[in-house]
Structure formats: C-alpha cells, structure tokens
Amino acid sequence: MSKGTVYLVGAGPGHPGLLTLRAVECLRQADLVLYDKVVPDAILEHAPECAAKICVASLEPARTERHRPTHETMIAAARLGKKVVRLKSGDPFIFGRGGEEAQALQAAGIPFEIVPGVTAAQAAAAFAGIPLTQRGQASAVAFITGHEDPANPEASLDWNALARFPGTLAIYMGMSRLDKIVPALIAGGKDPGAPSCVVHRASAGDQRTVAAPLAEMAGAVRALGLTAPAIIIIGSVVSLREELSWFEKLPLFGKRVLVTRPRHQAGSLVQRLVELGATPLVLPVVEIRDPPDWSPVDRAIANLPAYTWLVFTSANGVHAFMRRLRGGGRDARALAQSKLAAIGPKTAETLRQYHLHADLVPEAFQSEHLAAALRDRISASDRVLLVRADRGRELLRQELTGVCAVEQIAAYSQVDAVDATTVDATTVDATTVDATKTGPASSILDQLRRGEIDFVTLTSSNIARAFLRGLDATCRARLESGETRLVSISPVTSADIRAVGFPVAAEARQAISEGLVEALIELVSNEANSETGRLTQVLEGVPSQVAD
C-alpha cells in the first residue's frame, strides 16, 4: 500500500471555535487521530466515527524518550497508507515539539503537512483583553519557555536580555518557576512595578486572570491558588485589560451548566453556552433508538395519501420518519397530498432540511397550543397522523379524536440510560482531561455532589424524570436546597419536576433551546443584581472611611 500522510495539526487553546478550517478538513478525512490529553471532545467530533482516536498520554511512558512511541505510531500508520492527524494543543511549532515530530517523519520518508493553530499566548491575551502589541506601547512580543530554571547557569535563556526586551513578554510553562522568574527579571533591570498578569485556562469558561505589578505577581498567584496551565504576560499592554476585557464579562461566564439532552441533540445548546462564556457538561440520560416494531410506521407510509394532516411533535420524529420513508425507496413527493404541522420552530426547521414546509406552527410550542391550532383547521372528514415517540403525553390524540379520525405512530423510542452511574459523560471546555472522554458519569455526578455545577437544564418531562429518579441522596439534596438550580424548558416540564419534589429556578418563556438560554441569562443577571443590592445595603451601614 502507498504511504499515507501525517498532518501535524494545531488544535488551538481548546475553545472549539478557535479551530482553523484546514484543521477541520484534516480531521474529517482522518483514519487515525493522535491527540494531546487537553484537546476537548468537541474538537475530536470533527473526525469520522470510524476513525481510531488515541490519546498520546496513553502511549508515552515516564522516561527520557517518552515521545518515541508517538513517533513510531504515526510512522507505522502512515506506512499502512493511513491518513494520520497528530492533533496538538496550541500551535505545533510553538513549544509543542512539532519540529521534533516533523524531523522524525522526514527521517522515515513519510509525507507530512503542518497546520498552524492559535497558540496559548495569543488566546490568553485575546480572552483577557490584552493586546500583545499596541502602537506606542509595544512593537514586539517574545514567546518564552518558563520551563528552564533561571538560576541554572547552563540555561539557554538570557534573562538579563529579556528584562531589557522592548515589548511584551509571554511566558509559557512558567508557573512552577514563577518565584525564580520574577526575581531574575527584576535583577536584570525589569521594573518591579511593570504591569503583569497570569491567565489560567485561557478561553475556557472557568478562565481566571490575576493582574498585579511584577514584584507582587507570585504572591497574587499563590493567594488565588492558580496553577498550570497558564500563561504569564508582562508589559505595559497589560494595563489595557481593564478597558478591553470582554470574555469575563459574558453573561454566563464562569457558570457550569449540565446539559442532559441526547448527545446528537446537545450540540447547538452546548455551542450557545460556550459562546456566552459558560462551561457546558454533557450527560445524556435518554437515548434515541429505532422502535421495536416498524410495522405501524410502514403501514402509515404505505397509506400516506389517506392522511389530510401529518403532525410532527419533535425533530427526532421528523428524522426517523423521513429515514424510514427513504429506506423504502420513497422521497418527499410521497407527502405531497398532506398538510404538515410542527409543534415548534426546531421541528419546522428539521422539515425544511428535507425540503418540506410546515403549514402550521403554533404561536406557543406545546401540545395544548398545537391541538388548539389544529382544531381550527380540521373537520370531521379529515384524517390526522401523529408522528411521535413511543412515550409522552396523549393530549394531542385526546384533543383531536373528538373532531376527526386520528392515528398515532411511534417513529422512535426514548430509552432511559441503564442508570445514572454508567451513562457516558463529557465536559466540553478548553482543557477537558482525557478521563472524561471515556470515564463514567460518576465524574459529573461527583461534581454535582460537591456543588461544582451551577445549573442543570431539563428539556423535556421524559429527560427530567430519567435524570431525577437516578440521583442519590447527596445529589438530591443539592437540587432540593437550590445550591444547584434546575432550569426547565416549559410549564409542563416544570410541573413534572415539582411533582417529584424539586424546585424549578427558571423556566423558558418559549419551549426552545434559545428560550432555555434566555431563562439562564435572566436568572444569572437577577442573582448578580440581588448580590449587588445586598452588598450595597451592607456598605450603607459602614462608616465611609471603613468602606473606602
């Protein structure tokens, strides 16, 4: 077999939106992905399901030549004709050992391509609101490894020269040596009062930034307990942070939000949460599967001309019905004689993916409103087909049966996860550790027990029941006390949550994902305003000189 190709791809700092288009192209054609352990699942999902995915940490023993197994794996796969993506955090050629890997490939005669990525210093500066260069302040920037000990006479870095560097210093891997780096720079002539900062977990929803004069930086870092991964930035441009900070002002910044939808439906909600500064965690508690018996669906498809209306109550129902239709050798033309109703805009949008237009979408996206809208449009001579899941509310059929002939079919099944301790779980943020990629849901439930999750989103009654009934006493106590807040997509879901003894902190005004997000934003904003008001009241009772 002809030789394959290895793509040394920069995955960026971890924020899924900072991946380059070329990186996505390489991932989509990969046979094998060798990834750094800090690369999040949201980026790995660009690779085909059939591609092998291996974390290099599992290949590299703790020894001097620990990177050799990664080199050997790349080369062996390429010699078998495979397309290999070596997915590296940040940029491959900036403190990423990409040069060494390229040399190994060159020596083995393996074709390779270098795909740059957003390096950590760029991301840390941008997401902290610090321009690395600024006219009149910094016309140069130096990327420096802090891995070397400044006190070591054999160190290759000249810290005295760096102290005189006329621009911004961005130091990688320097947290463990910060107590030595700062004195070395000051001894070399750097102003002890130079504006400086440390950005921890840059671009993640739990990014933390501390700014202080250079001489005080080590103490400030210790006070906040910041550790690696972090970038140290030193220079006058740091003073612009107060003016230009934006990421940490996003409405959901720092909030950890649990998404309980099926994985294939969670993507858009997760992406929106990331855009708003949150750290989403995904814990699917309901799986979507084929119905155990397709014969009712097949009979309905064979008799499609007889139905005046086809009514879809979910996007899943649309996908399942259309897949079965196409599997039988038919296409959208088979629906030409029927009118289509969708319970909401997401379901209508899914119909459009199949080049179908919904004739009816109610103003409010619940079964009650869909039934009312349909009653105004149908007569006794009509025949309605309800396409839905195998479980759920019977309201639509009950409301319409008295008006015309109604038939209901289950185009898909909703199946609870086996139990809450075995469901697959992932954290979608900038530095997801490898354990969460294959680990059990207990990793997320442990965070819930410790009070590390701020909100849980529940997008249907079925999902709410499946999630809540699997919780242990500690998790239940967190939710019952309101330490972790439940956010519901609709009044029906809220009623079912309260019926089993849990409070609902917020409810979407519209039963769609964006409505859920808006409810979250409003809840966080109201809580922030309440806290500000409380602090104001406290300070009003304090003498002004003390308050100052």
Protein backbone atom coordinates (compact mmCIF):
# COMPACT_ATOMS: atom_id res chain seq x y z
CA MET A 1 0.00 0.00 0.00
CA SER A 2 1.24 3.51 -0.78
CA LYS A 3 2.40 5.68 2.07
CA GLY A 4 -0.13 7.74 3.90
CA THR A 5 0.25 11.30 5.14
CA VAL A 6 0.66 12.75 8.61
CA TYR A 7 -0.92 16.11 9.40
CA LEU A 8 0.63 17.94 12.35
CA VAL A 9 -2.41 20.00 13.31
CA GLY A 10 -2.68 22.78 15.86
CA ALA A 11 -5.89 22.37 17.86
CA GLY A 12 -5.65 25.84 19.38
CA PRO A 13 -6.04 26.58 23.10
CA GLY A 14 -9.13 24.36 23.41
CA HIS A 15 -12.04 26.68 22.65
CA PRO A 16 -13.93 24.74 19.92
CA GLY A 17 -14.50 27.89 17.88
CA LEU A 18 -10.79 28.62 17.51
CA LEU A 19 -10.06 25.58 15.35
CA THR A 20 -8.97 26.53 11.81
CA LEU A 21 -10.88 25.46 8.70
CA ARG A 22 -7.86 23.49 7.48
CA ALA A 23 -7.71 21.65 10.80
CA VAL A 24 -11.35 20.63 10.39
CA GLU A 25 -10.66 19.44 6.81
CA CYS A 26 -7.80 17.25 8.02
CA LEU A 27 -9.84 15.80 10.87
CA ARG A 28 -12.75 14.93 8.59
CA GLN A 29 -10.56 12.68 6.44
CA ALA A 30 -8.54 11.11 9.26
CA ASP A 31 -8.12 7.38 9.72
CA LEU A 32 -6.20 7.88 12.97
CA VAL A 33 -6.16 10.83 15.37
CA LEU A 34 -3.35 11.05 17.94
CA TYR A 35 -4.38 13.84 20.31
CA ASP A 36 -2.97 15.64 23.34
CA LYS A 37 -4.93 14.98 26.52
CA VAL A 38 -6.08 18.61 26.83
CA VAL A 39 -7.88 18.54 23.46
CA PRO A 40 -11.66 18.59 24.14
CA ASP A 41 -14.21 16.18 22.70
CA ALA A 42 -15.90 19.00 20.80
CA ILE A 43 -12.83 19.13 18.53
CA LEU A 44 -12.41 15.36 18.23
CA GLU A 45 -16.00 15.10 17.00
CA HIS A 46 -14.90 16.54 13.64
CA ALA A 47 -13.20 13.21 12.92
CA PRO A 48 -15.24 10.35 11.40
CA GLU A 49 -16.82 7.95 13.88
CA CYS A 50 -14.86 5.13 12.29
CA ALA A 51 -11.51 6.88 12.84
CA ALA A 52 -9.28 5.49 15.59
CA LYS A 53 -8.65 8.08 18.32
CA ILE A 54 -5.73 7.64 20.71
CA CYS A 55 -4.59 9.99 23.46
CA VAL A 56 -0.79 10.22 23.28
CA ALA A 57 -0.60 10.21 27.08
CA SER A 58 -1.57 6.53 26.91
CA LEU A 59 1.41 5.85 24.62
CA GLU A 60 4.12 7.78 26.41
CA PRO A 61 5.84 6.20 29.41
CA ALA A 62 7.56 8.32 32.03
CA ARG A 63 11.08 8.02 30.65
CA THR A 64 13.59 10.14 28.76
CA GLU A 65 12.46 9.10 25.30
CA ARG A 66 8.79 9.13 26.20
CA HIS A 67 7.76 10.74 22.89
CA ARG A 68 9.22 7.93 20.77
CA PRO A 69 6.05 5.74 20.91
CA THR A 70 4.05 8.62 19.43
CA HIS A 71 6.56 8.97 16.59
CA GLU A 72 6.52 5.22 15.98
CA THR A 73 2.71 5.07 15.94
CA MET A 74 2.45 7.92 13.41
CA ILE A 75 5.05 6.36 11.13
CA ALA A 76 3.61 2.83 11.32
CA ALA A 77 0.09 4.02 10.47
CA ALA A 78 1.32 6.18 7.58
CA ARG A 79 3.27 3.23 6.14
CA LEU A 80 -0.04 1.35 6.05
CA GLY A 81 -1.48 4.11 3.88
CA LYS A 82 -3.44 5.79 6.69
CA LYS A 83 -4.19 9.48 6.97
CA VAL A 84 -2.93 10.42 10.40
CA VAL A 85 -3.80 13.61 12.28
CA ARG A 86 -1.41 14.43 15.10
CA LEU A 87 -3.64 16.86 16.98
CA LYS A 88 -1.55 19.12 19.19
CA SER A 89 -2.68 21.71 21.71
CA GLY A 90 -2.00 25.27 20.56
CA ASP A 91 0.38 25.51 17.61
CA PRO A 92 2.62 22.56 16.67
CA PHE A 93 5.71 24.72 16.21
CA ILE A 94 5.42 26.87 19.34
CA PHE A 95 6.61 24.87 22.36
CA GLY A 96 4.70 21.88 21.00
CA ARG A 97 7.56 19.58 19.93
CA GLY A 98 6.12 19.72 16.44
CA GLY A 99 9.57 20.25 14.97
CA GLU A 100 10.81 17.03 16.54
CA GLU A 101 7.85 15.09 15.20
CA ALA A 102 8.34 16.58 11.73
CA GLN A 103 12.03 15.58 11.84
CA ALA A 104 11.05 12.02 12.74
CA LEU A 105 8.62 11.88 9.82
CA GLN A 106 11.19 13.36 7.44
CA ALA A 107 13.80 10.80 8.51
CA ALA A 108 11.29 7.99 7.92
CA GLY A 109 10.34 9.33 4.48
CA ILE A 110 6.72 10.00 5.47
CA PRO A 111 4.90 12.88 3.73
CA PHE A 112 3.59 15.44 6.20
CA GLU A 113 1.81 18.80 6.39
CA ILE A 114 1.96 21.42 9.13
CA VAL A 115 -1.35 23.10 10.05
CA PRO A 116 -0.80 26.09 12.37
CA GLY A 117 -3.06 26.69 15.35
CA VAL A 118 -3.87 29.53 17.72
CA THR A 119 -1.10 29.40 20.29
CA ALA A 120 -1.85 29.73 24.00
CA ALA A 121 -0.27 33.18 24.42
CA GLN A 122 -2.47 34.63 21.67
CA ALA A 123 -5.58 33.13 23.21
CA ALA A 124 -4.66 34.16 26.75
CA ALA A 125 -4.04 37.73 25.68
CA ALA A 126 -7.15 37.98 23.49
CA PHE A 127 -9.52 36.39 26.02
CA ALA A 128 -8.09 38.53 28.84
CA GLY A 129 -8.43 41.73 26.80
CA ILE A 130 -4.70 42.35 26.41
CA PRO A 131 -3.22 43.29 23.01
CA LEU A 132 0.21 41.70 22.76
CA THR A 133 1.32 44.65 20.63
CA GLN A 134 -0.02 48.19 20.80
CA ARG A 135 1.12 51.30 18.97
CA GLY A 136 3.13 53.48 21.32
CA GLN A 137 3.44 50.76 23.95
CA ALA A 138 4.76 47.51 22.48
CA SER A 139 6.11 46.93 18.99
CA ALA A 140 7.43 43.43 19.70
CA VAL A 141 6.42 40.31 21.56
CA ALA A 142 8.61 37.47 22.82
CA PHE A 143 7.33 33.91 23.37
CA ILE A 144 9.43 32.36 26.14
CA THR A 145 9.55 28.97 27.79
CA GLY A 146 9.48 29.17 31.55
CA HIS A 147 10.43 25.54 31.83
CA GLU A 148 14.11 26.39 32.32
CA ASP A 149 15.39 27.34 35.76
CA PRO A 150 16.70 30.95 35.60
CA ALA A 151 19.15 30.11 38.39
CA ASN A 152 20.76 27.37 36.32
CA PRO A 153 23.98 28.72 34.78
CA GLU A 154 23.55 26.35 31.85
CA ALA A 155 20.11 27.74 30.94
CA SER A 156 19.90 28.79 27.30
CA LEU A 157 17.76 31.86 28.04
CA ASP A 158 19.42 35.19 28.86
CA TRP A 159 17.05 36.61 31.47
CA ASN A 160 19.03 39.85 31.68
CA ALA A 161 18.44 40.39 27.96
CA LEU A 162 14.77 39.50 28.34
CA ALA A 163 14.45 42.04 31.15
CA ARG A 164 15.56 44.72 28.66
CA PHE A 165 13.33 43.44 25.83
CA PRO A 166 11.39 46.44 24.42
CA GLY A 167 8.00 44.78 24.20
CA THR A 168 5.67 42.20 25.72
CA LEU A 169 6.90 39.00 27.35
CA ALA A 170 4.64 35.93 27.08
CA ILE A 171 5.94 33.08 29.20
CA TYR A 172 4.74 29.50 28.71
CA MET A 173 5.09 26.71 31.29
CA GLY A 174 6.41 29.07 33.93
CA MET A 175 4.01 28.63 36.83
CA SER A 176 6.22 26.22 38.78
CA ARG A 177 9.18 28.62 38.46
CA LEU A 178 7.39 31.93 38.91
CA ASP A 179 9.22 32.54 42.21
CA LYS A 180 12.51 32.35 40.28
CA ILE A 181 11.47 34.03 37.02
CA VAL A 182 10.24 37.24 38.66
CA PRO A 183 13.45 37.87 40.70
CA ALA A 184 15.58 37.04 37.63
CA LEU A 185 13.77 39.66 35.52
CA ILE A 186 13.93 42.29 38.27
CA ALA A 187 17.63 41.56 38.84
CA GLY A 188 18.16 42.06 35.11
CA GLY A 189 16.64 45.53 35.29
CA LYS A 190 12.92 44.95 34.73
CA ASP A 191 10.75 47.47 36.57
CA PRO A 192 9.28 45.80 39.69
CA GLY A 193 6.10 47.77 39.02
CA ALA A 194 5.72 46.56 35.42
CA PRO A 195 2.10 45.58 34.69
CA SER A 196 1.83 41.79 34.68
CA CYS A 197 -0.81 39.11 34.70
CA VAL A 198 -1.36 35.36 34.71
CA VAL A 199 -4.16 33.83 32.62
CA HIS A 200 -5.22 30.37 33.80
CA ARG A 201 -7.09 28.04 31.40
CA ALA A 202 -7.29 30.64 28.64
CA SER A 203 -10.51 30.64 26.57
CA ALA A 204 -12.31 28.20 28.90
CA GLY A 205 -15.48 29.07 30.76
CA ASP A 206 -13.53 28.86 34.02
CA GLN A 207 -10.68 31.09 32.84
CA ARG A 208 -9.15 33.04 35.71
CA THR A 209 -6.97 36.11 35.36
CA VAL A 210 -4.92 37.87 38.02
CA ALA A 211 -3.13 41.15 37.35
CA ALA A 212 -0.52 42.74 39.63
CA PRO A 213 2.77 44.63 39.50
CA LEU A 214 5.59 42.26 38.55
CA ALA A 215 7.11 42.17 42.03
CA GLU A 216 3.76 41.15 43.54
CA MET A 217 2.73 38.62 40.90
CA ALA A 218 3.97 35.45 42.61
CA GLY A 219 2.12 36.34 45.80
CA ALA A 220 -1.07 37.18 43.91
CA VAL A 221 -0.94 33.83 42.13
CA ARG A 222 -0.45 31.97 45.40
CA ALA A 223 -3.33 33.86 47.02
CA LEU A 224 -5.72 32.71 44.28
CA GLY A 225 -4.28 29.21 44.08
CA LEU A 226 -3.69 29.39 40.33
CA THR A 227 -1.74 26.56 38.75
CA ALA A 228 -0.84 25.34 35.26
CA PRO A 229 -1.98 25.53 32.54
CA ALA A 230 -1.41 29.27 32.47
CA ILE A 231 0.39 31.99 30.52
CA ILE A 232 2.35 34.79 32.18
CA ILE A 233 2.16 38.15 30.35
CA ILE A 234 4.46 41.05 31.30
CA GLY A 235 4.45 44.52 29.78
CA SER A 236 2.68 47.86 29.69
CA VAL A 237 -0.09 46.43 27.46
CA VAL A 238 -1.44 44.53 30.48
CA SER A 239 -2.72 47.88 31.77
CA LEU A 240 -5.25 47.88 28.91
CA ARG A 241 -7.01 44.83 30.34
CA GLU A 242 -9.39 46.85 32.49
CA GLU A 243 -10.57 48.73 29.40
CA LEU A 244 -10.63 45.86 26.90
CA SER A 245 -11.72 42.86 28.98
CA TRP A 246 -14.69 41.17 27.27
CA PHE A 247 -14.71 37.40 27.76
CA GLU A 248 -15.04 37.51 31.53
CA LYS A 249 -17.98 39.91 31.13
CA LEU A 250 -20.08 37.46 29.09
CA PRO A 251 -23.46 36.82 30.74
CA LEU A 252 -22.79 33.18 31.66
CA PHE A 253 -19.03 33.42 32.22
CA GLY A 254 -17.79 31.04 34.89
CA LYS A 255 -21.08 29.13 35.14
CA ARG A 256 -21.03 25.35 34.87
CA VAL A 257 -24.16 24.12 33.12
CA LEU A 258 -25.21 20.47 32.83
CA VAL A 259 -26.92 19.56 29.54
CA THR A 260 -28.97 16.35 29.80
CA ARG A 261 -30.19 16.03 26.19
CA PRO A 262 -29.24 13.09 23.95
CA ARG A 263 -25.75 13.68 22.59
CA HIS A 264 -26.83 14.17 18.97
CA GLN A 265 -29.19 16.96 20.07
CA ALA A 266 -26.91 18.65 22.57
CA GLY A 267 -24.54 20.31 20.09
CA SER A 268 -26.39 23.56 19.37
CA LEU A 269 -27.17 24.18 23.05
CA VAL A 270 -23.59 23.42 24.05
CA GLN A 271 -22.25 25.78 21.38
CA ARG A 272 -24.54 28.59 22.53
CA LEU A 273 -23.47 28.11 26.15
CA VAL A 274 -19.80 28.25 25.14
CA GLU A 275 -20.45 31.48 23.20
CA LEU A 276 -21.91 33.01 26.37
CA GLY A 277 -18.89 32.07 28.50
CA ALA A 278 -20.25 29.02 30.29
CA THR A 279 -18.62 25.64 30.77
CA PRO A 280 -21.13 23.04 29.50
CA LEU A 281 -21.09 19.46 30.70
CA VAL A 282 -22.98 16.84 28.71
CA LEU A 283 -24.72 13.94 30.45
CA PRO A 284 -27.21 12.23 28.12
CA VAL A 285 -29.84 10.48 30.23
CA VAL A 286 -32.15 9.43 27.40
CA GLU A 287 -31.14 7.57 24.24
CA ILE A 288 -32.99 7.74 20.92
CA ARG A 289 -33.42 4.36 19.23
CA ASP A 290 -35.47 2.73 16.49
CA PRO A 291 -38.89 1.48 17.58
CA PRO A 292 -39.01 -2.24 18.37
CA ASP A 293 -41.65 -2.70 15.65
CA TRP A 294 -41.62 -0.71 12.39
CA SER A 295 -44.83 -2.22 11.02
CA PRO A 296 -47.19 0.60 12.21
CA VAL A 297 -44.89 3.17 10.59
CA ASP A 298 -44.62 1.15 7.39
CA ARG A 299 -48.42 0.80 7.17
CA ALA A 300 -48.83 4.54 7.61
CA ILE A 301 -46.22 5.24 4.92
CA ALA A 302 -47.99 2.85 2.52
CA ASN A 303 -51.25 4.72 3.17
CA LEU A 304 -49.92 8.32 3.10
CA PRO A 305 -52.43 9.67 0.52
CA ALA A 306 -55.24 8.95 3.00
CA TYR A 307 -53.96 11.46 5.59
CA THR A 308 -55.04 15.09 5.40
CA TRP A 309 -52.52 16.17 8.04
CA LEU A 310 -49.16 14.81 9.21
CA VAL A 311 -48.33 16.17 12.65
CA PHE A 312 -44.74 16.06 13.96
CA THR A 313 -44.09 16.68 17.65
CA SER A 314 -40.27 16.65 17.57
CA ALA A 315 -37.24 16.94 15.33
CA ASN A 316 -36.39 13.33 16.21
CA GLY A 317 -39.76 12.26 14.82
CA VAL A 318 -39.09 14.06 11.54
CA HIS A 319 -35.68 12.43 11.11
CA ALA A 320 -36.91 8.96 12.00
CA PHE A 321 -39.98 9.14 9.75
CA MET A 322 -38.07 10.51 6.76
CA ARG A 323 -35.29 7.93 7.13
CA ARG A 324 -37.87 5.15 7.07
CA LEU A 325 -39.62 6.75 4.10
CA ARG A 326 -36.38 6.96 2.14
CA GLY A 327 -35.37 3.47 3.20
CA GLY A 328 -38.47 2.22 1.44
CA GLY A 329 -37.46 3.88 -1.81
CA ARG A 330 -39.69 6.96 -1.48
CA ASP A 331 -38.96 10.66 -1.03
CA ALA A 332 -40.72 13.88 -0.07
CA ARG A 333 -43.10 13.62 -3.04
CA ALA A 334 -44.97 10.93 -1.11
CA LEU A 335 -46.18 13.66 1.28
CA ALA A 336 -47.49 15.93 -1.47
CA GLN A 337 -51.18 15.36 -0.68
CA SER A 338 -50.88 16.05 3.06
CA LYS A 339 -50.52 19.23 5.05
CA LEU A 340 -47.74 19.32 7.65
CA ALA A 341 -47.88 20.59 11.23
CA ALA A 342 -44.87 21.08 13.52
CA ILE A 343 -45.01 21.63 17.26
CA GLY A 344 -42.32 24.34 17.14
CA PRO A 345 -39.69 26.13 15.06
CA LYS A 346 -36.98 23.49 15.62
CA THR A 347 -39.27 20.78 14.27
CA ALA A 348 -40.25 23.05 11.36
CA GLU A 349 -36.58 23.69 10.64
CA THR A 350 -35.94 19.95 10.57
CA LEU A 351 -38.73 19.55 8.00
CA ARG A 352 -37.00 22.17 5.87
CA GLN A 353 -33.88 20.02 5.85
CA TYR A 354 -35.95 17.57 3.82
CA HIS A 355 -37.30 20.39 1.60
CA LEU A 356 -40.67 20.32 3.35
CA HIS A 357 -42.59 23.35 4.59
CA ALA A 358 -44.70 23.25 7.75
CA ASP A 359 -48.22 24.53 7.02
CA LEU A 360 -48.86 25.05 10.72
CA VAL A 361 -46.62 26.02 13.65
CA PRO A 362 -48.45 27.23 16.79
CA GLU A 363 -47.52 30.52 18.43
CA ALA A 364 -46.58 28.68 21.64
CA PHE A 365 -44.69 25.43 21.31
CA GLN A 366 -46.68 22.95 23.40
CA SER A 367 -49.19 20.22 22.70
CA GLU A 368 -52.08 22.30 24.05
CA HIS A 369 -51.43 25.11 21.58
CA LEU A 370 -50.81 22.75 18.68
CA ALA A 371 -54.10 20.97 19.41
CA ALA A 372 -55.98 24.28 19.56
CA ALA A 373 -54.45 25.46 16.28
CA LEU A 374 -55.29 22.17 14.56
CA ARG A 375 -58.89 22.15 15.78
CA ASP A 376 -59.39 25.44 13.94
CA ARG A 377 -58.10 23.88 10.70
CA ILE A 378 -59.60 20.38 10.59
CA SER A 379 -63.09 18.96 10.09
CA ALA A 380 -64.82 15.63 10.61
CA SER A 381 -63.84 14.44 7.13
CA ASP A 382 -60.12 14.84 7.81
CA ARG A 383 -57.70 12.16 8.87
CA VAL A 384 -54.68 13.04 11.02
CA LEU A 385 -51.43 11.07 11.50
CA LEU A 386 -49.49 11.90 14.66
CA VAL A 387 -45.77 11.07 14.34
CA ARG A 388 -44.13 10.95 17.76
CA ALA A 389 -42.06 8.97 20.29
CA ASP A 390 -43.19 5.75 21.93
CA ARG A 391 -43.85 7.59 25.18
CA GLY A 392 -45.07 11.00 26.13
CA ARG A 393 -48.27 12.94 26.60
CA GLU A 394 -51.50 11.71 25.00
CA LEU A 395 -53.05 15.17 24.91
CA LEU A 396 -52.90 15.68 21.14
CA ARG A 397 -54.67 12.45 20.32
CA GLN A 398 -57.25 13.03 23.06
CA GLU A 399 -57.98 16.58 21.89
CA LEU A 400 -58.30 15.72 18.19
CA THR A 401 -60.08 12.38 18.40
CA GLY A 402 -63.40 14.07 19.05
CA VAL A 403 -63.07 16.12 15.88
CA CYS A 404 -61.80 13.69 13.22
CA ALA A 405 -60.09 10.34 12.68
CA VAL A 406 -56.69 10.25 14.37
CA GLU A 407 -53.91 7.68 14.09
CA GLN A 408 -50.74 7.76 16.17
CA ILE A 409 -47.44 6.04 15.37
CA ALA A 410 -44.14 5.78 17.25
CA ALA A 411 -41.33 6.61 14.81
CA TYR A 412 -38.65 6.27 17.51
CA SER A 413 -38.13 5.04 21.05
CA GLN A 414 -36.88 7.00 24.03
CA VAL A 415 -34.84 4.72 26.27
CA ASP A 416 -33.51 5.70 29.68
CA ALA A 417 -29.81 5.16 30.26
CA VAL A 418 -29.18 1.95 32.20
CA ASP A 419 -28.58 4.02 35.34
CA ALA A 420 -27.04 7.31 36.32
CA THR A 421 -23.66 5.80 37.14
CA THR A 422 -22.96 4.25 33.75
CA VAL A 423 -24.06 6.86 31.23
CA ASP A 424 -21.22 8.23 29.08
CA ALA A 425 -20.30 11.78 30.12
CA THR A 426 -18.06 14.54 28.82
CA THR A 427 -17.02 18.03 29.78
CA VAL A 428 -16.91 20.39 26.82
CA ASP A 429 -14.40 23.09 27.69
CA ALA A 430 -10.96 24.27 26.76
CA THR A 431 -8.96 21.76 28.80
CA THR A 432 -11.04 18.60 29.11
CA VAL A 433 -8.93 15.91 30.71
CA ASP A 434 -8.72 12.57 29.00
CA ALA A 435 -10.54 10.74 31.80
CA THR A 436 -13.80 12.44 30.89
CA LYS A 437 -13.65 11.18 27.33
CA THR A 438 -14.19 7.57 28.33
CA GLY A 439 -14.98 7.82 32.02
CA PRO A 440 -18.31 7.05 33.64
CA ALA A 441 -20.98 9.59 34.51
CA SER A 442 -19.76 9.36 38.10
CA SER A 443 -17.19 12.05 37.24
CA ILE A 444 -20.02 14.51 36.56
CA LEU A 445 -22.19 13.26 39.41
CA ASP A 446 -19.24 13.74 41.76
CA GLN A 447 -19.11 17.38 40.66
CA LEU A 448 -22.83 17.65 41.39
CA ARG A 449 -22.30 16.15 44.85
CA ARG A 450 -19.54 18.68 45.57
CA GLY A 451 -21.68 21.60 44.45
CA GLU A 452 -19.47 22.36 41.45
CA ILE A 453 -22.36 22.51 38.95
CA ASP A 454 -24.39 25.71 38.94
CA PHE A 455 -27.33 24.74 36.72
CA VAL A 456 -28.98 21.65 35.25
CA THR A 457 -31.06 22.14 32.07
CA LEU A 458 -34.04 19.83 31.55
CA THR A 459 -35.57 19.92 28.09
CA SER A 460 -38.49 17.50 28.41
CA SER A 461 -40.53 15.68 31.01
CA ASN A 462 -39.03 12.35 29.97
CA ILE A 463 -35.49 13.68 30.39
CA ALA A 464 -36.39 15.29 33.72
CA ARG A 465 -37.84 12.07 35.11
CA ALA A 466 -34.94 9.96 33.86
CA PHE A 467 -32.38 12.32 35.39
CA LEU A 468 -34.04 12.98 38.72
CA ARG A 469 -35.03 9.44 39.63
CA GLY A 470 -31.45 8.17 39.26
CA LEU A 471 -29.90 10.57 41.78
CA ASP A 472 -28.50 9.57 45.13
CA ALA A 473 -29.31 11.38 48.39
CA THR A 474 -26.38 13.82 48.15
CA CYS A 475 -27.23 14.88 44.61
CA ARG A 476 -30.90 15.20 45.51
CA ALA A 477 -30.01 17.41 48.47
CA ARG A 478 -28.03 19.76 46.21
CA LEU A 479 -31.03 20.20 43.94
CA GLU A 480 -33.66 20.32 46.66
CA SER A 481 -31.77 23.06 48.50
CA GLY A 482 -31.30 25.12 45.34
CA GLU A 483 -27.49 25.06 45.59
CA THR A 484 -27.60 23.66 42.08
CA ARG A 485 -30.52 25.17 40.19
CA LEU A 486 -32.88 23.39 37.77
CA VAL A 487 -33.88 25.24 34.60
CA SER A 488 -36.90 23.92 32.71
CA ILE A 489 -37.90 24.31 29.07
CA SER A 490 -41.68 24.54 29.61
CA PRO A 491 -44.51 24.72 32.18
CA VAL A 492 -45.30 21.04 31.55
CA THR A 493 -41.70 20.01 32.31
CA SER A 494 -41.67 22.31 35.35
CA ALA A 495 -44.85 20.72 36.70
CA ASP A 496 -43.34 17.24 36.37
CA ILE A 497 -40.16 18.38 38.14
CA ARG A 498 -42.11 19.87 41.04
CA ALA A 499 -44.32 16.78 41.22
CA VAL A 500 -41.30 14.72 42.33
CA GLY A 501 -40.24 17.27 44.93
CA PHE A 502 -37.68 19.51 43.25
CA PRO A 503 -37.76 23.30 42.86
CA VAL A 504 -37.52 25.00 39.46
CA ALA A 505 -35.32 28.08 39.47
CA ALA A 506 -36.20 29.30 35.99
CA GLU A 507 -38.45 28.38 33.07
CA ALA A 508 -38.15 29.21 29.39
CA ARG A 509 -40.77 31.59 28.05
CA GLN A 510 -40.61 29.73 24.74
CA ALA A 511 -40.14 25.96 24.73
CA ILE A 512 -36.99 26.01 22.61
CA SER A 513 -33.28 25.89 23.36
CA GLU A 514 -32.83 29.62 22.94
CA GLY A 515 -35.68 30.18 25.39
CA LEU A 516 -33.84 27.99 27.87
CA VAL A 517 -30.66 30.02 27.36
CA GLU A 518 -32.55 33.30 27.83
CA ALA A 519 -34.02 31.98 31.08
CA LEU A 520 -30.50 31.12 32.27
CA ILE A 521 -29.18 34.58 31.40
CA GLU A 522 -32.07 36.26 33.20
CA LEU A 523 -31.60 34.09 36.27
CA VAL A 524 -27.87 34.81 36.47
CA SER A 525 -28.45 38.53 35.92
CA ASN A 526 -31.12 38.70 38.64
CA GLU A 527 -28.89 36.84 41.08
CA ALA A 528 -26.00 39.20 40.32
CA ASN A 529 -28.24 42.24 40.84
CA SER A 530 -29.53 40.81 44.11
CA GLU A 531 -25.99 40.25 45.34
CA THR A 532 -25.00 43.78 44.34
CA GLY A 533 -28.02 45.14 46.19
CA ARG A 534 -27.20 43.10 49.27
CA LEU A 535 -23.61 44.38 49.32
CA THR A 536 -24.86 47.95 48.86
CA GLN A 537 -27.15 47.58 51.87
CA VAL A 538 -24.30 46.20 53.95
CA LEU A 539 -21.96 49.04 52.95
CA GLU A 540 -24.61 51.68 53.68
CA GLY A 541 -24.29 50.74 57.35
CA VAL A 542 -20.49 51.00 57.34
CA PRO A 543 -18.69 54.32 58.02
CA SER A 544 -17.43 55.79 54.74
CA GLN A 545 -13.76 55.71 55.71
CA VAL A 546 -14.04 51.98 56.51
CA ALA A 547 -15.96 51.22 53.33
CA ASP A 548 -13.33 53.05 51.27
